[in-house]
Protein backbone atom coordinates (compact mmCIF):
# COMPACT_ATOMS: atom_id res chain seq x y z
CA MET A 1 263.00 161.65 52.93
CA ARG A 2 263.18 164.72 54.78
CA LYS A 3 265.96 165.01 57.40
CA SER A 4 265.52 166.58 60.90
CA VAL A 5 268.07 169.71 61.15
CA GLN A 6 268.97 170.59 65.05
CA LEU A 7 269.64 174.46 65.55
CA ASP A 8 271.77 176.12 67.99
CA ALA A 9 268.59 177.05 69.87
CA GLY A 10 267.99 173.36 70.45
CA VAL A 11 264.86 173.28 67.95
CA LYS A 12 264.56 170.16 65.80
CA VAL A 13 263.37 171.29 62.38
CA LYS A 14 262.08 169.11 59.56
CA PRO A 15 261.94 171.22 56.18
CA PRO A 16 258.61 171.97 55.19
CA ALA A 17 257.06 169.38 52.76
CA GLY A 18 255.84 170.64 49.45
CA ASP A 19 256.78 171.25 46.26
CA LEU A 20 259.23 174.17 45.73
CA GLY A 21 259.03 176.23 42.31
CA HIS A 22 261.76 176.84 40.28
CA ARG A 23 263.14 180.06 38.64
CA GLY A 24 266.40 180.33 36.93
CA GLY A 25 267.75 177.10 38.40
CA ARG A 26 267.07 178.41 41.74
CA ALA A 27 264.65 176.84 44.26
CA VAL A 28 261.77 179.59 45.17
CA MET A 29 259.61 179.00 48.14
CA GLY A 30 255.78 178.47 47.13
CA GLU A 31 252.93 180.04 49.12
CA ARG A 32 252.35 176.46 50.33
CA ASP A 33 255.33 176.30 52.14
CA ARG A 34 254.91 178.84 54.38
CA MET A 35 253.86 178.35 57.89
CA GLN A 36 251.31 180.30 60.02
CA ILE A 37 252.28 181.65 63.15
CA GLY A 38 251.02 178.65 65.23
CA GLU A 39 253.33 176.49 63.51
CA LEU A 40 256.30 178.87 63.88
CA ALA A 41 255.53 178.88 67.58
CA ARG A 42 255.25 174.83 67.73
CA ARG A 43 258.74 174.66 65.90
CA THR A 44 260.80 177.28 68.04
CA GLY A 45 259.15 176.81 70.97
CA VAL A 46 258.12 180.50 71.46
CA SER A 47 254.86 181.87 71.97
CA THR A 48 252.83 183.67 69.44
CA ARG A 49 252.37 186.50 71.58
CA SER A 50 256.42 186.77 71.17
CA LEU A 51 256.47 186.10 67.54
CA ARG A 52 253.97 188.89 67.01
CA TYR A 53 256.33 191.28 69.07
CA TYR A 54 259.44 190.27 67.36
CA GLU A 55 257.46 191.13 64.10
CA GLN A 56 256.42 194.81 65.57
CA ARG A 57 259.98 195.23 66.72
CA GLY A 58 261.47 194.61 62.91
CA LEU A 59 263.04 191.57 64.10
CA LEU A 60 260.88 189.15 62.12
CA ARG A 61 259.10 189.32 58.63
CA ALA A 62 255.84 188.00 58.00
CA HIS A 63 253.91 187.61 54.82
CA ARG A 64 250.15 188.37 54.85
CA ASP A 65 247.34 186.00 53.22
CA THR A 66 244.48 187.78 51.50
CA ASN A 67 242.70 186.77 55.12
CA GLY A 68 245.34 189.02 56.82
CA TYR A 69 246.89 185.65 58.66
CA ARG A 70 250.60 186.02 59.00
CA ARG A 71 252.60 183.38 56.88
CA TYR A 72 256.07 182.86 57.84
CA ASP A 73 258.97 181.55 55.32
CA ALA A 74 260.86 178.26 56.70
CA GLU A 75 263.99 180.49 57.50
CA CYS A 76 262.18 182.39 60.15
CA VAL A 77 262.33 179.00 62.35
CA GLU A 78 266.52 179.83 62.41
CA THR A 79 265.79 183.85 62.78
CA VAL A 80 263.74 183.09 65.75
CA GLY A 81 266.44 180.92 67.32
CA ARG A 82 269.07 183.75 66.75
CA ILE A 83 266.74 186.37 68.23
CA ARG A 84 266.07 184.09 71.35
CA GLU A 85 270.42 183.65 71.36
CA LEU A 86 270.88 187.39 71.29
CA LEU A 87 268.16 188.35 73.74
CA ALA A 88 269.99 185.92 76.19
CA THR A 89 273.05 187.89 76.11
CA GLY A 90 270.97 190.94 77.55
CA LEU A 91 270.86 192.72 73.98
CA GLY A 92 267.70 194.80 73.53
CA THR A 93 265.55 194.38 70.63
CA ASP A 94 266.77 197.77 69.06
CA ASP A 95 270.40 196.37 68.85
CA ILE A 96 269.24 192.88 67.70
CA ARG A 97 267.24 194.62 64.88
CA VAL A 98 270.77 195.97 63.68
CA LEU A 99 272.80 193.24 64.48
CA LEU A 100 270.42 190.39 62.65
CA PRO A 101 271.71 190.65 59.29
CA CYS A 102 275.23 190.01 60.62
CA THR A 103 274.10 186.68 62.23
CA GLN A 104 275.60 183.45 60.50
CA GLY A 105 275.36 179.90 61.54
CA GLY A 106 276.02 179.19 65.10
CA PRO A 107 276.01 182.21 67.95
CA ALA A 108 278.57 184.06 66.16
CA LEU A 109 278.40 187.36 64.43
CA MET A 110 280.17 188.37 61.57
CA PRO A 111 282.65 190.90 62.42
CA CYS A 112 281.14 194.17 61.17
CA ALA A 113 281.21 198.00 62.65
CA LEU A 114 277.60 197.43 63.94
CA SER A 115 278.12 194.14 65.81
CA TRP A 116 281.57 195.30 67.44
CA GLY A 117 279.48 198.58 68.74
CA ALA A 118 276.74 196.81 70.03
CA ILE A 119 278.61 194.08 71.83
CA GLU A 120 280.93 196.48 73.29
CA ARG A 121 277.96 198.97 74.52
CA GLN A 122 276.53 195.51 76.20
CA MET A 123 279.79 194.87 77.89
CA VAL A 124 280.06 198.32 79.38
CA GLN A 125 276.36 198.27 80.69
CA LEU A 126 277.14 194.97 82.40
CA ASP A 127 280.29 196.06 83.76
CA GLU A 128 278.26 199.08 85.15
CA GLU A 129 275.75 196.94 86.47
CA ILE A 130 278.27 194.56 88.28
CA ALA A 131 279.84 197.58 89.84
CA GLU A 132 276.33 198.53 91.03
CA LEU A 133 275.71 195.31 92.29
CA GLU A 134 279.11 194.86 94.38
CA ARG A 135 278.43 198.52 95.77
CA ARG A 136 275.00 197.31 97.05
CA ARG A 137 276.50 194.33 98.27
CA ALA A 138 279.00 195.98 100.21
CA ALA A 139 276.33 198.24 101.74
CA LEU A 140 274.17 195.31 102.87
CA GLY A 141 277.37 193.64 104.24
CA THR A 142 278.05 196.99 106.35
CA TYR A 143 274.52 196.57 107.77
CA ALA A 144 274.70 193.05 108.30
CA GLN A 145 277.76 193.63 110.56
CA ILE A 146 276.25 196.23 112.61
CA MET A 147 273.12 194.19 113.45
CA ARG A 148 275.32 191.43 114.32
CA GLU A 149 277.29 193.52 116.65
CA ARG A 150 274.25 195.06 118.03
CA GLY A 151 272.52 191.58 118.47
CA THR A 152 275.57 190.63 120.11
CA GLN A 153 275.34 193.69 122.69
CA ASP A 154 271.52 193.24 122.95
CA GLU A 155 272.08 189.58 124.35
CA ALA A 156 274.75 190.71 126.56
CA LEU A 157 272.36 193.50 128.22
CA ALA A 158 269.75 191.17 128.41
CA ALA A 159 271.79 188.48 130.12
CA SER A 160 273.08 190.99 132.75
CA ALA A 161 269.56 192.18 133.37
CA LEU A 162 268.71 188.75 133.99
CA ARG A 163 271.38 188.11 136.43
CA SER A 164 270.59 191.51 138.35
CA ALA A 165 266.77 190.51 138.70
């Protein structure tokens, strides 16, 4: 009986059916246990187009059948979940490609020089973006105040013109 496994990305996954071969006492995934891109998309809720993009950017590895079809190992379901989690933090695919080997169960990263550097760079970038948004908001606030003052002046002038007419 196969049990479903809940990943952090909210995707429920059933281990693939089929026989696993054995080499040296270790289970080896057979060709039959690899899934096509449509199955990976269904299991992860990610479009096939995004999966192809992840592969192109070096985030995901596919095996190719003799007919050229992509085939993915079962652990790619978890890898796609990690990619989505890291994308949600605002990290770019270049940073994710470097960080992916540092990922472990859950959204955490194993502490390593690569992960610290990428996280710190992203936080600095976010601080800069927040400062820019605050500057833009203050500028809009100034314009809004001027418009309110002019609106009040215009209303007073209009009322005065109506009274003298």
